[in-house]
Amino acid sequence: MAANKKLIIGLTGGIGSGKSEACRRFIARGITVVDADIVAREVVEPGRPALEKIREHFGDEILLSEKESRQRTLNRSKLREIIFNNPNEKTWLEGLLHPLVNQQIRAQLENASGPYIILASPLLLETQQYRLADRVLVVDTSEPLQIERASQRDINNEAQIKAIMQTQLSRQERCAKANDIIQNHGSLIELDEQIENLHQLYLALAQNN
C-alpha cells in the first residue's frame, strides 16, 4: 500500500453466512462500512437513469404498481426471477449496473474516514471489486446453515436460495482466496470475539500503513 492509502478490508460471504451481522459489529466499533448491496439499491431508485433503462428494456411490468409503490419502484422479486431464468438478461443487467455500482463504491471509499474501512459485498470475489481491497475477509458457515438463515430472513424458497448459491463461489473457493476467515457457525458471542480479534489486527495494520 502507498504511504497514505486507506486500509480497505473486503468483507464477503455466501448468502445467509452472516455478513450483515458481522458488519453491524464493525460499525459498533466505529468502523465505516461501504455496503455494495445498499449502493446497488440506490442506483436503481426512482429518478435514476438506470431505473429508466431497466424499464425500457423489460417493460412497465418490471415496476411495482402505483398501489404497491407511489413512486413505481423496481419490482425486485420479478427482476430476480427473470435474470435467474435467462442468463442473457442477467448479463445485460450486470453490464448496466456493475459500472454504476463500482463508481459509487469508489466514491464512498474515497470519502470514508476512520482507521480502516470495510467494503462489504456478496460478489466481492466474483467481480472485480476485490481489487479495491487490501485484504479479503470471508464470513464462512455451512451450506445447510446458509439455507436455514436465508429462508428465515427472506421470502425466497429453498430452490431460489440454492440458485443464488450457484451464482456464487463455493465455500472452498471463497475461503481459498481469503486473508482472514470468520467461522460463523456458533453463537453471537463467538462471532463478536472473532470480530474483536480482527478489529485489533486491522487497527495495527492501519497504524503501520
N, C-alpha and C. Protein backbone atom coordinates (compact mmCIF):
# COMPACT_ATOMS: atom_id res chain seq x y z
N MET A 1 0.84 -1.20 0.00
CA MET A 1 0.00 0.00 0.00
C MET A 1 0.87 1.25 0.00
N ALA A 2 0.34 2.26 -0.64
CA ALA A 2 1.04 3.53 -0.63
C ALA A 2 1.04 4.10 0.77
N ALA A 3 1.96 5.04 1.00
CA ALA A 3 2.17 5.53 2.36
C ALA A 3 0.93 6.15 2.97
N ASN A 4 0.09 6.80 2.16
CA ASN A 4 -1.08 7.47 2.71
C ASN A 4 -2.39 6.82 2.29
N LYS A 5 -2.33 5.60 1.82
CA LYS A 5 -3.52 4.92 1.34
C LYS A 5 -4.33 4.37 2.51
N LYS A 6 -5.63 4.47 2.40
CA LYS A 6 -6.51 3.92 3.43
C LYS A 6 -6.47 2.39 3.36
N LEU A 7 -6.54 1.77 4.52
CA LEU A 7 -6.63 0.31 4.59
C LEU A 7 -8.08 -0.08 4.34
N ILE A 8 -8.30 -0.88 3.30
CA ILE A 8 -9.65 -1.31 2.95
C ILE A 8 -9.74 -2.82 3.08
N ILE A 9 -10.70 -3.27 3.86
CA ILE A 9 -10.95 -4.70 4.08
C ILE A 9 -12.18 -5.09 3.29
N GLY A 10 -12.03 -6.00 2.35
CA GLY A 10 -13.17 -6.50 1.60
C GLY A 10 -13.82 -7.65 2.34
N LEU A 11 -15.06 -7.46 2.75
CA LEU A 11 -15.79 -8.48 3.51
C LEU A 11 -16.82 -9.14 2.60
N THR A 12 -16.81 -10.46 2.57
CA THR A 12 -17.74 -11.18 1.71
C THR A 12 -18.13 -12.51 2.36
N GLY A 13 -19.04 -13.20 1.71
CA GLY A 13 -19.53 -14.48 2.20
C GLY A 13 -20.75 -14.87 1.41
N GLY A 14 -21.11 -16.13 1.46
CA GLY A 14 -22.29 -16.59 0.73
C GLY A 14 -23.57 -16.09 1.35
N ILE A 15 -24.68 -16.28 0.65
CA ILE A 15 -25.98 -15.90 1.17
C ILE A 15 -26.23 -16.60 2.50
N GLY A 16 -26.73 -15.86 3.48
CA GLY A 16 -27.03 -16.44 4.79
C GLY A 16 -25.83 -16.73 5.66
N SER A 17 -24.65 -16.24 5.26
CA SER A 17 -23.44 -16.55 6.04
C SER A 17 -23.32 -15.68 7.29
N GLY A 18 -23.99 -14.53 7.29
CA GLY A 18 -23.91 -13.63 8.44
C GLY A 18 -23.10 -12.38 8.18
N LYS A 19 -23.01 -11.98 6.91
CA LYS A 19 -22.24 -10.77 6.57
C LYS A 19 -22.80 -9.53 7.25
N SER A 20 -24.13 -9.41 7.24
CA SER A 20 -24.76 -8.21 7.82
C SER A 20 -24.51 -8.12 9.31
N GLU A 21 -24.58 -9.25 9.99
CA GLU A 21 -24.32 -9.25 11.44
C GLU A 21 -22.88 -8.88 11.72
N ALA A 22 -21.96 -9.40 10.92
CA ALA A 22 -20.55 -9.04 11.09
C ALA A 22 -20.35 -7.54 10.86
N CYS A 23 -20.99 -7.01 9.83
CA CYS A 23 -20.86 -5.57 9.54
C CYS A 23 -21.38 -4.73 10.69
N ARG A 24 -22.51 -5.13 11.27
CA ARG A 24 -23.06 -4.36 12.40
C ARG A 24 -22.06 -4.28 13.54
N ARG A 25 -21.31 -5.33 13.74
CA ARG A 25 -20.36 -5.36 14.84
C ARG A 25 -19.10 -4.54 14.55
N PHE A 26 -18.73 -4.44 13.29
CA PHE A 26 -17.66 -3.50 12.93
C PHE A 26 -18.14 -2.06 13.09
N ILE A 27 -19.37 -1.80 12.67
CA ILE A 27 -19.94 -0.45 12.82
C ILE A 27 -20.00 -0.05 14.29
N ALA A 28 -20.35 -1.00 15.16
CA ALA A 28 -20.42 -0.72 16.60
C ALA A 28 -19.06 -0.33 17.16
N ARG A 29 -18.00 -0.69 16.46
CA ARG A 29 -16.64 -0.34 16.87
C ARG A 29 -16.16 0.94 16.18
N GLY A 30 -17.08 1.64 15.54
CA GLY A 30 -16.74 2.92 14.93
C GLY A 30 -16.17 2.84 13.53
N ILE A 31 -16.30 1.68 12.89
CA ILE A 31 -15.72 1.49 11.57
C ILE A 31 -16.76 1.77 10.48
N THR A 32 -16.36 2.50 9.46
CA THR A 32 -17.24 2.79 8.33
C THR A 32 -17.37 1.55 7.45
N VAL A 33 -18.60 1.21 7.10
CA VAL A 33 -18.87 0.10 6.19
C VAL A 33 -19.51 0.64 4.92
N VAL A 34 -18.87 0.38 3.79
CA VAL A 34 -19.45 0.68 2.48
C VAL A 34 -20.10 -0.61 1.99
N ASP A 35 -21.42 -0.61 1.88
CA ASP A 35 -22.19 -1.82 1.58
C ASP A 35 -22.60 -1.82 0.11
N ALA A 36 -22.07 -2.77 -0.66
CA ALA A 36 -22.36 -2.83 -2.09
C ALA A 36 -23.83 -3.09 -2.36
N ASP A 37 -24.51 -3.84 -1.49
CA ASP A 37 -25.94 -4.10 -1.67
C ASP A 37 -26.74 -2.80 -1.57
N ILE A 38 -26.38 -1.96 -0.60
CA ILE A 38 -27.08 -0.68 -0.45
C ILE A 38 -26.83 0.20 -1.66
N VAL A 39 -25.58 0.24 -2.12
CA VAL A 39 -25.25 1.03 -3.31
C VAL A 39 -26.05 0.53 -4.52
N ALA A 40 -26.16 -0.80 -4.66
CA ALA A 40 -26.89 -1.37 -5.79
C ALA A 40 -28.37 -0.98 -5.75
N ARG A 41 -28.93 -0.86 -4.56
CA ARG A 41 -30.32 -0.41 -4.46
C ARG A 41 -30.45 1.08 -4.79
N GLU A 42 -29.45 1.85 -4.38
CA GLU A 42 -29.51 3.30 -4.61
C GLU A 42 -29.45 3.66 -6.09
N VAL A 43 -28.69 2.91 -6.88
CA VAL A 43 -28.52 3.29 -8.29
C VAL A 43 -29.77 3.01 -9.12
N VAL A 44 -30.74 2.26 -8.56
CA VAL A 44 -31.99 2.00 -9.29
C VAL A 44 -33.19 2.63 -8.59
N GLU A 45 -32.95 3.65 -7.78
CA GLU A 45 -34.05 4.36 -7.14
C GLU A 45 -34.82 5.18 -8.18
N PRO A 46 -36.09 5.50 -7.90
CA PRO A 46 -36.86 6.33 -8.84
C PRO A 46 -36.14 7.63 -9.17
N GLY A 47 -36.14 7.96 -10.45
CA GLY A 47 -35.46 9.17 -10.90
C GLY A 47 -34.04 8.93 -11.38
N ARG A 48 -33.49 7.75 -11.07
CA ARG A 48 -32.13 7.45 -11.53
C ARG A 48 -32.19 6.93 -12.97
N PRO A 49 -31.20 7.28 -13.80
CA PRO A 49 -31.19 6.82 -15.20
C PRO A 49 -31.23 5.30 -15.34
N ALA A 50 -30.61 4.58 -14.42
CA ALA A 50 -30.57 3.12 -14.53
C ALA A 50 -31.96 2.51 -14.47
N LEU A 51 -32.83 3.06 -13.61
CA LEU A 51 -34.18 2.51 -13.50
C LEU A 51 -34.95 2.71 -14.80
N GLU A 52 -34.78 3.86 -15.43
CA GLU A 52 -35.47 4.11 -16.69
C GLU A 52 -34.97 3.16 -17.78
N LYS A 53 -33.68 2.87 -17.80
CA LYS A 53 -33.15 1.93 -18.79
C LYS A 53 -33.69 0.52 -18.54
N ILE A 54 -33.82 0.15 -17.27
CA ILE A 54 -34.39 -1.16 -16.94
C ILE A 54 -35.85 -1.23 -17.38
N ARG A 55 -36.59 -0.15 -17.16
CA ARG A 55 -38.00 -0.11 -17.58
C ARG A 55 -38.11 -0.21 -19.10
N GLU A 56 -37.25 0.50 -19.82
CA GLU A 56 -37.28 0.45 -21.28
C GLU A 56 -36.97 -0.96 -21.78
N HIS A 57 -36.08 -1.64 -21.10
CA HIS A 57 -35.64 -2.97 -21.54
C HIS A 57 -36.67 -4.05 -21.22
N PHE A 58 -37.21 -4.03 -20.01
CA PHE A 58 -38.11 -5.10 -19.55
C PHE A 58 -39.59 -4.74 -19.64
N GLY A 59 -39.90 -3.46 -19.81
CA GLY A 59 -41.29 -3.04 -19.85
C GLY A 59 -41.79 -2.53 -18.51
N ASP A 60 -42.98 -1.90 -18.53
CA ASP A 60 -43.53 -1.30 -17.31
C ASP A 60 -43.80 -2.32 -16.21
N GLU A 61 -43.99 -3.58 -16.60
CA GLU A 61 -44.32 -4.59 -15.59
C GLU A 61 -43.16 -4.87 -14.64
N ILE A 62 -41.97 -4.37 -14.97
CA ILE A 62 -40.82 -4.56 -14.07
C ILE A 62 -40.88 -3.59 -12.89
N LEU A 63 -41.84 -2.66 -12.92
CA LEU A 63 -42.03 -1.72 -11.82
C LEU A 63 -43.23 -2.14 -10.99
N LEU A 64 -43.18 -1.84 -9.70
CA LEU A 64 -44.33 -2.08 -8.85
C LEU A 64 -45.46 -1.16 -9.26
N SER A 65 -46.69 -1.61 -9.09
CA SER A 65 -47.85 -0.79 -9.46
C SER A 65 -47.96 0.40 -8.52
N GLU A 66 -48.78 1.37 -8.92
CA GLU A 66 -48.97 2.55 -8.09
C GLU A 66 -49.60 2.19 -6.75
N LYS A 67 -50.40 1.11 -6.72
CA LYS A 67 -50.98 0.65 -5.46
C LYS A 67 -49.90 0.10 -4.54
N GLU A 68 -48.89 -0.54 -5.13
CA GLU A 68 -47.81 -1.14 -4.35
C GLU A 68 -46.76 -0.12 -3.96
N SER A 69 -46.52 0.86 -4.82
CA SER A 69 -45.48 1.85 -4.59
C SER A 69 -45.85 3.14 -5.29
N ARG A 70 -45.94 4.23 -4.54
CA ARG A 70 -46.37 5.51 -5.11
C ARG A 70 -45.41 6.00 -6.18
N GLN A 71 -44.12 5.65 -6.05
CA GLN A 71 -43.11 6.14 -6.99
C GLN A 71 -42.75 5.12 -8.07
N ARG A 72 -43.53 4.03 -8.18
CA ARG A 72 -43.25 2.99 -9.18
C ARG A 72 -41.80 2.53 -9.07
N THR A 73 -41.46 1.98 -7.95
CA THR A 73 -40.11 1.47 -7.72
C THR A 73 -39.92 0.12 -8.41
N LEU A 74 -38.68 -0.33 -8.43
CA LEU A 74 -38.34 -1.58 -9.10
C LEU A 74 -38.96 -2.78 -8.38
N ASN A 75 -39.55 -3.67 -9.16
CA ASN A 75 -40.08 -4.93 -8.63
C ASN A 75 -38.93 -5.92 -8.57
N ARG A 76 -38.25 -5.95 -7.45
CA ARG A 76 -37.01 -6.73 -7.33
C ARG A 76 -37.25 -8.23 -7.45
N SER A 77 -38.34 -8.70 -6.89
CA SER A 77 -38.61 -10.14 -6.96
C SER A 77 -38.86 -10.57 -8.40
N LYS A 78 -39.56 -9.75 -9.16
CA LYS A 78 -39.81 -10.09 -10.57
C LYS A 78 -38.51 -10.03 -11.37
N LEU A 79 -37.70 -9.02 -11.11
CA LEU A 79 -36.42 -8.91 -11.82
C LEU A 79 -35.52 -10.09 -11.48
N ARG A 80 -35.49 -10.47 -10.20
CA ARG A 80 -34.67 -11.61 -9.79
C ARG A 80 -35.12 -12.88 -10.50
N GLU A 81 -36.43 -13.07 -10.63
CA GLU A 81 -36.96 -14.25 -11.31
C GLU A 81 -36.55 -14.26 -12.78
N ILE A 82 -36.60 -13.10 -13.41
CA ILE A 82 -36.24 -13.01 -14.84
C ILE A 82 -34.78 -13.37 -15.07
N ILE A 83 -33.89 -12.78 -14.27
CA ILE A 83 -32.47 -12.98 -14.55
C ILE A 83 -32.00 -14.38 -14.16
N PHE A 84 -32.68 -15.03 -13.20
CA PHE A 84 -32.31 -16.40 -12.86
C PHE A 84 -32.73 -17.37 -13.96
N ASN A 85 -33.77 -17.01 -14.70
CA ASN A 85 -34.26 -17.88 -15.75
C ASN A 85 -33.69 -17.56 -17.12
N ASN A 86 -32.96 -16.45 -17.24
CA ASN A 86 -32.44 -16.03 -18.54
C ASN A 86 -31.04 -15.45 -18.39
N PRO A 87 -30.01 -16.25 -18.65
CA PRO A 87 -28.63 -15.78 -18.49
C PRO A 87 -28.30 -14.55 -19.32
N ASN A 88 -28.91 -14.43 -20.51
CA ASN A 88 -28.64 -13.25 -21.34
C ASN A 88 -29.14 -11.97 -20.69
N GLU A 89 -30.31 -12.06 -20.05
CA GLU A 89 -30.84 -10.88 -19.35
C GLU A 89 -29.98 -10.55 -18.14
N LYS A 90 -29.46 -11.57 -17.49
CA LYS A 90 -28.58 -11.35 -16.35
C LYS A 90 -27.31 -10.61 -16.80
N THR A 91 -26.76 -11.04 -17.94
CA THR A 91 -25.57 -10.40 -18.47
C THR A 91 -25.84 -8.94 -18.83
N TRP A 92 -27.02 -8.69 -19.44
CA TRP A 92 -27.38 -7.31 -19.80
C TRP A 92 -27.48 -6.44 -18.55
N LEU A 93 -28.15 -6.95 -17.53
CA LEU A 93 -28.35 -6.17 -16.30
C LEU A 93 -27.02 -5.88 -15.61
N GLU A 94 -26.15 -6.88 -15.55
CA GLU A 94 -24.84 -6.68 -14.92
C GLU A 94 -24.03 -5.65 -15.69
N GLY A 95 -24.12 -5.69 -17.02
CA GLY A 95 -23.40 -4.71 -17.83
C GLY A 95 -23.86 -3.28 -17.56
N LEU A 96 -25.14 -3.14 -17.24
CA LEU A 96 -25.68 -1.82 -16.91
C LEU A 96 -25.29 -1.38 -15.51
N LEU A 97 -25.48 -2.28 -14.54
CA LEU A 97 -25.39 -1.87 -13.14
C LEU A 97 -23.98 -1.92 -12.55
N HIS A 98 -23.17 -2.90 -12.92
CA HIS A 98 -21.87 -3.05 -12.27
C HIS A 98 -20.99 -1.81 -12.39
N PRO A 99 -20.89 -1.18 -13.57
CA PRO A 99 -20.06 0.04 -13.63
C PRO A 99 -20.60 1.16 -12.74
N LEU A 100 -21.93 1.29 -12.67
CA LEU A 100 -22.53 2.33 -11.83
C LEU A 100 -22.28 2.06 -10.36
N VAL A 101 -22.45 0.80 -9.98
CA VAL A 101 -22.22 0.42 -8.58
C VAL A 101 -20.76 0.63 -8.20
N ASN A 102 -19.85 0.19 -9.05
CA ASN A 102 -18.42 0.33 -8.74
C ASN A 102 -18.00 1.80 -8.66
N GLN A 103 -18.59 2.63 -9.50
CA GLN A 103 -18.29 4.06 -9.46
C GLN A 103 -18.70 4.66 -8.11
N GLN A 104 -19.88 4.29 -7.64
CA GLN A 104 -20.37 4.80 -6.36
C GLN A 104 -19.56 4.24 -5.19
N ILE A 105 -19.18 2.98 -5.29
CA ILE A 105 -18.36 2.37 -4.23
C ILE A 105 -17.03 3.10 -4.12
N ARG A 106 -16.39 3.35 -5.25
CA ARG A 106 -15.11 4.07 -5.23
C ARG A 106 -15.25 5.44 -4.59
N ALA A 107 -16.33 6.13 -4.91
CA ALA A 107 -16.56 7.47 -4.35
C ALA A 107 -16.76 7.39 -2.84
N GLN A 108 -17.53 6.41 -2.38
CA GLN A 108 -17.78 6.27 -0.94
C GLN A 108 -16.51 5.87 -0.19
N LEU A 109 -15.71 5.00 -0.79
CA LEU A 109 -14.44 4.62 -0.16
C LEU A 109 -13.52 5.83 -0.05
N GLU A 110 -13.50 6.63 -1.09
CA GLU A 110 -12.63 7.81 -1.10
C GLU A 110 -13.04 8.81 -0.03
N ASN A 111 -14.34 8.92 0.21
CA ASN A 111 -14.84 9.90 1.17
C ASN A 111 -14.93 9.37 2.60
N ALA A 112 -14.75 8.06 2.77
CA ALA A 112 -14.88 7.46 4.10
C ALA A 112 -13.69 7.83 4.99
N SER A 113 -13.95 7.86 6.28
CA SER A 113 -12.89 8.16 7.24
C SER A 113 -12.85 7.08 8.31
N GLY A 114 -11.77 7.05 9.06
CA GLY A 114 -11.60 6.05 10.11
C GLY A 114 -10.28 5.34 9.96
N PRO A 115 -9.92 4.53 10.95
CA PRO A 115 -8.63 3.83 10.91
C PRO A 115 -8.54 2.83 9.76
N TYR A 116 -9.66 2.21 9.42
CA TYR A 116 -9.75 1.36 8.24
C TYR A 116 -11.20 1.33 7.79
N ILE A 117 -11.45 0.78 6.62
CA ILE A 117 -12.80 0.80 6.03
C ILE A 117 -13.16 -0.62 5.62
N ILE A 118 -14.43 -0.98 5.84
CA ILE A 118 -14.95 -2.26 5.38
C ILE A 118 -15.72 -2.05 4.08
N LEU A 119 -15.37 -2.81 3.05
CA LEU A 119 -16.17 -2.87 1.82
C LEU A 119 -16.90 -4.20 1.83
N ALA A 120 -18.20 -4.17 2.10
CA ALA A 120 -18.99 -5.40 2.19
C ALA A 120 -19.69 -5.66 0.86
N SER A 121 -19.46 -6.84 0.30
CA SER A 121 -20.07 -7.18 -0.99
C SER A 121 -20.23 -8.69 -1.11
N PRO A 122 -21.44 -9.17 -1.43
CA PRO A 122 -21.63 -10.61 -1.60
C PRO A 122 -20.89 -11.16 -2.81
N LEU A 123 -20.59 -10.29 -3.78
CA LEU A 123 -19.91 -10.72 -5.00
C LEU A 123 -18.52 -10.10 -5.12
N LEU A 124 -17.90 -9.85 -3.98
CA LEU A 124 -16.57 -9.24 -3.97
C LEU A 124 -15.59 -10.02 -4.82
N LEU A 125 -15.61 -11.34 -4.69
CA LEU A 125 -14.63 -12.19 -5.37
C LEU A 125 -15.09 -12.60 -6.76
N GLU A 126 -16.40 -12.58 -7.00
CA GLU A 126 -16.93 -12.95 -8.30
C GLU A 126 -16.79 -11.82 -9.31
N THR A 127 -16.66 -10.60 -8.82
CA THR A 127 -16.48 -9.43 -9.68
C THR A 127 -15.07 -8.89 -9.48
N GLN A 128 -14.83 -7.70 -9.99
CA GLN A 128 -13.52 -7.08 -9.82
C GLN A 128 -13.44 -6.23 -8.56
N GLN A 129 -14.47 -6.27 -7.72
CA GLN A 129 -14.48 -5.42 -6.53
C GLN A 129 -13.35 -5.75 -5.56
N TYR A 130 -12.89 -7.00 -5.57
CA TYR A 130 -11.81 -7.37 -4.66
C TYR A 130 -10.54 -6.56 -4.91
N ARG A 131 -10.41 -6.03 -6.13
CA ARG A 131 -9.23 -5.22 -6.45
C ARG A 131 -9.21 -3.90 -5.68
N LEU A 132 -10.36 -3.52 -5.13
CA LEU A 132 -10.43 -2.29 -4.34
C LEU A 132 -9.95 -2.50 -2.91
N ALA A 133 -9.77 -3.76 -2.51
CA ALA A 133 -9.45 -4.08 -1.12
C ALA A 133 -8.00 -4.49 -0.96
N ASP A 134 -7.48 -4.23 0.25
CA ASP A 134 -6.12 -4.65 0.59
C ASP A 134 -6.09 -6.05 1.18
N ARG A 135 -7.18 -6.43 1.84
CA ARG A 135 -7.31 -7.76 2.41
C ARG A 135 -8.73 -8.25 2.17
N VAL A 136 -8.89 -9.56 2.12
CA VAL A 136 -10.21 -10.17 1.94
C VAL A 136 -10.59 -10.93 3.20
N LEU A 137 -11.74 -10.58 3.76
CA LEU A 137 -12.29 -11.24 4.94
C LEU A 137 -13.54 -12.00 4.53
N VAL A 138 -13.53 -13.31 4.75
CA VAL A 138 -14.67 -14.15 4.38
C VAL A 138 -15.42 -14.58 5.63
N VAL A 139 -16.73 -14.38 5.62
CA VAL A 139 -17.61 -14.91 6.67
C VAL A 139 -18.10 -16.26 6.17
N ASP A 140 -17.72 -17.31 6.88
CA ASP A 140 -17.98 -18.67 6.41
C ASP A 140 -18.94 -19.40 7.35
N THR A 141 -19.81 -20.20 6.75
CA THR A 141 -20.68 -21.08 7.53
C THR A 141 -21.08 -22.25 6.65
N SER A 142 -21.69 -23.27 7.21
CA SER A 142 -22.04 -24.46 6.45
C SER A 142 -23.20 -24.16 5.50
N GLU A 143 -23.30 -24.92 4.43
CA GLU A 143 -24.37 -24.69 3.46
C GLU A 143 -25.76 -24.93 4.05
N PRO A 144 -25.98 -25.98 4.85
CA PRO A 144 -27.31 -26.13 5.47
C PRO A 144 -27.68 -24.93 6.34
N LEU A 145 -26.70 -24.37 7.05
CA LEU A 145 -26.97 -23.21 7.88
C LEU A 145 -27.24 -21.97 7.02
N GLN A 146 -26.54 -21.87 5.90
CA GLN A 146 -26.82 -20.77 4.96
C GLN A 146 -28.28 -20.80 4.52
N ILE A 147 -28.75 -21.98 4.12
CA ILE A 147 -30.12 -22.12 3.64
C ILE A 147 -31.12 -21.82 4.75
N GLU A 148 -30.84 -22.32 5.94
CA GLU A 148 -31.74 -22.08 7.07
C GLU A 148 -31.86 -20.58 7.37
N ARG A 149 -30.73 -19.90 7.45
CA ARG A 149 -30.74 -18.47 7.77
C ARG A 149 -31.40 -17.65 6.67
N ALA A 150 -31.07 -17.96 5.42
CA ALA A 150 -31.64 -17.20 4.31
C ALA A 150 -33.14 -17.42 4.19
N SER A 151 -33.61 -18.62 4.52
CA SER A 151 -35.04 -18.91 4.48
C SER A 151 -35.79 -18.11 5.53
N GLN A 152 -35.18 -17.95 6.69
CA GLN A 152 -35.81 -17.20 7.77
C GLN A 152 -35.82 -15.70 7.48
N ARG A 153 -34.80 -15.23 6.80
CA ARG A 153 -34.63 -13.79 6.56
C ARG A 153 -35.42 -13.29 5.37
N ASP A 154 -35.44 -14.07 4.29
CA ASP A 154 -36.04 -13.62 3.04
C ASP A 154 -37.28 -14.44 2.71
N ILE A 155 -37.99 -13.99 1.68
CA ILE A 155 -39.16 -14.73 1.21
C ILE A 155 -38.75 -15.81 0.21
N ASN A 156 -37.48 -15.89 -0.10
CA ASN A 156 -37.02 -16.89 -1.06
C ASN A 156 -37.26 -18.29 -0.52
N ASN A 157 -37.65 -19.19 -1.42
CA ASN A 157 -37.75 -20.58 -1.01
C ASN A 157 -36.40 -21.25 -1.17
N GLU A 158 -36.31 -22.52 -0.78
CA GLU A 158 -35.02 -23.21 -0.79
C GLU A 158 -34.44 -23.30 -2.19
N ALA A 159 -35.31 -23.52 -3.19
CA ALA A 159 -34.82 -23.62 -4.57
C ALA A 159 -34.20 -22.30 -5.03
N GLN A 160 -34.83 -21.19 -4.67
CA GLN A 160 -34.28 -19.88 -5.05
C GLN A 160 -32.96 -19.62 -4.35
N ILE A 161 -32.89 -20.00 -3.08
CA ILE A 161 -31.65 -19.80 -2.32
C ILE A 161 -30.52 -20.62 -2.94
N LYS A 162 -30.80 -21.87 -3.29
CA LYS A 162 -29.78 -22.70 -3.91
C LYS A 162 -29.37 -22.14 -5.27
N ALA A 163 -30.32 -21.53 -5.98
CA ALA A 163 -29.98 -20.91 -7.27
C ALA A 163 -29.04 -19.74 -7.07
N ILE A 164 -29.28 -18.96 -6.02
CA ILE A 164 -28.38 -17.85 -5.70
C ILE A 164 -27.00 -18.39 -5.35
N MET A 165 -26.96 -19.46 -4.56
CA MET A 165 -25.68 -20.05 -4.16
C MET A 165 -24.90 -20.53 -5.37
N GLN A 166 -25.60 -20.99 -6.40
CA GLN A 166 -24.92 -21.47 -7.60
C GLN A 166 -24.23 -20.34 -8.35
N THR A 167 -24.70 -19.10 -8.16
CA THR A 167 -24.07 -17.96 -8.83
C THR A 167 -22.85 -17.46 -8.07
N GLN A 168 -22.65 -17.96 -6.86
CA GLN A 168 -21.54 -17.53 -6.03
C GLN A 168 -20.45 -18.60 -5.99
N LEU A 169 -19.25 -18.20 -5.62
CA LEU A 169 -18.18 -19.18 -5.45
C LEU A 169 -18.56 -20.18 -4.37
N SER A 170 -17.98 -21.37 -4.45
CA SER A 170 -18.20 -22.35 -3.40
C SER A 170 -17.48 -21.92 -2.13
N ARG A 171 -17.84 -22.53 -1.01
CA ARG A 171 -17.16 -22.21 0.25
C ARG A 171 -15.66 -22.40 0.12
N GLN A 172 -15.27 -23.50 -0.50
CA GLN A 172 -13.85 -23.82 -0.62
C GLN A 172 -13.12 -22.77 -1.46
N GLU A 173 -13.73 -22.38 -2.57
CA GLU A 173 -13.11 -21.37 -3.44
C GLU A 173 -13.01 -20.03 -2.73
N ARG A 174 -14.07 -19.68 -2.02
CA ARG A 174 -14.09 -18.39 -1.33
C ARG A 174 -13.02 -18.34 -0.24
N CYS A 175 -12.97 -19.38 0.56
CA CYS A 175 -12.01 -19.40 1.67
C CYS A 175 -10.57 -19.45 1.17
N ALA A 176 -10.36 -20.07 0.01
CA ALA A 176 -9.01 -20.16 -0.55
C ALA A 176 -8.47 -18.78 -0.94
N LYS A 177 -9.38 -17.85 -1.21
CA LYS A 177 -8.97 -16.50 -1.61
C LYS A 177 -8.91 -15.53 -0.44
N ALA A 178 -9.21 -16.00 0.76
CA ALA A 178 -9.31 -15.12 1.92
C ALA A 178 -7.97 -14.90 2.59
N ASN A 179 -7.77 -13.69 3.10
CA ASN A 179 -6.67 -13.42 4.03
C ASN A 179 -7.09 -13.76 5.45
N ASP A 180 -8.37 -13.53 5.74
CA ASP A 180 -8.92 -13.77 7.07
C ASP A 180 -10.29 -14.43 6.92
N ILE A 181 -10.63 -15.30 7.89
CA ILE A 181 -11.90 -16.02 7.84
C ILE A 181 -12.60 -15.94 9.19
N ILE A 182 -13.88 -15.60 9.16
CA ILE A 182 -14.73 -15.69 10.35
C ILE A 182 -15.54 -16.97 10.23
N GLN A 183 -15.40 -17.86 11.20
CA GLN A 183 -16.18 -19.08 11.24
C GLN A 183 -17.48 -18.79 11.99
N ASN A 184 -18.54 -18.58 11.24
CA ASN A 184 -19.81 -18.15 11.84
C ASN A 184 -20.77 -19.31 11.98
N HIS A 185 -20.35 -20.31 12.76
CA HIS A 185 -21.20 -21.48 12.99
C HIS A 185 -21.80 -21.48 14.39
N GLY A 186 -21.30 -20.58 15.26
CA GLY A 186 -21.67 -20.65 16.67
C GLY A 186 -22.55 -19.51 17.12
N SER A 187 -22.31 -19.07 18.35
CA SER A 187 -23.13 -18.04 18.98
C SER A 187 -22.68 -16.65 18.55
N LEU A 188 -23.52 -15.66 18.87
CA LEU A 188 -23.16 -14.27 18.59
C LEU A 188 -21.97 -13.84 19.43
N ILE A 189 -21.84 -14.41 20.61
CA ILE A 189 -20.68 -14.10 21.46
C ILE A 189 -19.40 -14.57 20.78
N GLU A 190 -19.44 -15.77 20.21
CA GLU A 190 -18.27 -16.28 19.50
C GLU A 190 -17.96 -15.44 18.26
N LEU A 191 -19.01 -14.99 17.59
CA LEU A 191 -18.81 -14.11 16.43
C LEU A 191 -18.15 -12.81 16.87
N ASP A 192 -18.63 -12.24 17.96
CA ASP A 192 -18.09 -10.96 18.43
C ASP A 192 -16.63 -11.09 18.84
N GLU A 193 -16.26 -12.21 19.42
CA GLU A 193 -14.86 -12.42 19.80
C GLU A 193 -13.97 -12.42 18.57
N GLN A 194 -14.42 -13.06 17.51
CA GLN A 194 -13.64 -13.08 16.27
C GLN A 194 -13.54 -11.68 15.65
N ILE A 195 -14.66 -10.95 15.70
CA ILE A 195 -14.66 -9.58 15.18
C ILE A 195 -13.67 -8.72 15.95
N GLU A 196 -13.66 -8.85 17.27
CA GLU A 196 -12.76 -8.04 18.09
C GLU A 196 -11.30 -8.36 17.77
N ASN A 197 -10.98 -9.63 17.60
CA ASN A 197 -9.60 -10.01 17.26
C ASN A 197 -9.19 -9.41 15.91
N LEU A 198 -10.10 -9.47 14.94
CA LEU A 198 -9.80 -8.91 13.63
C LEU A 198 -9.71 -7.39 13.69
N HIS A 199 -10.58 -6.78 14.49
CA HIS A 199 -10.56 -5.33 14.66
C HIS A 199 -9.19 -4.87 15.17
N GLN A 200 -8.66 -5.57 16.15
CA GLN A 200 -7.35 -5.21 16.69
C GLN A 200 -6.26 -5.43 15.65
N LEU A 201 -6.37 -6.49 14.88
CA LEU A 201 -5.40 -6.74 13.80
C LEU A 201 -5.43 -5.62 12.78
N TYR A 202 -6.62 -5.23 12.36
CA TYR A 202 -6.74 -4.20 11.33
C TYR A 202 -6.29 -2.83 11.85
N LEU A 203 -6.54 -2.56 13.13
CA LEU A 203 -6.04 -1.31 13.71
C LEU A 203 -4.52 -1.27 13.66
N ALA A 204 -3.89 -2.41 13.97
CA ALA A 204 -2.43 -2.48 13.94
C ALA A 204 -1.91 -2.32 12.52
N LEU A 205 -2.56 -2.98 11.56
CA LEU A 205 -2.14 -2.87 10.17
C LEU A 205 -2.29 -1.44 9.66
N ALA A 206 -3.40 -0.80 10.05
CA ALA A 206 -3.63 0.58 9.62
C ALA A 206 -2.59 1.52 10.23
N GLN A 207 -2.21 1.24 11.48
CA GLN A 207 -1.22 2.07 12.16
C GLN A 207 0.13 1.98 11.47
N ASN A 208 0.44 0.80 10.95
CA ASN A 208 1.72 0.58 10.29
C ASN A 208 1.71 0.98 8.82
N ASN A 209 0.53 1.36 8.33
CA ASN A 209 0.38 1.72 6.91
C ASN A 209 1.15 3.00 6.58
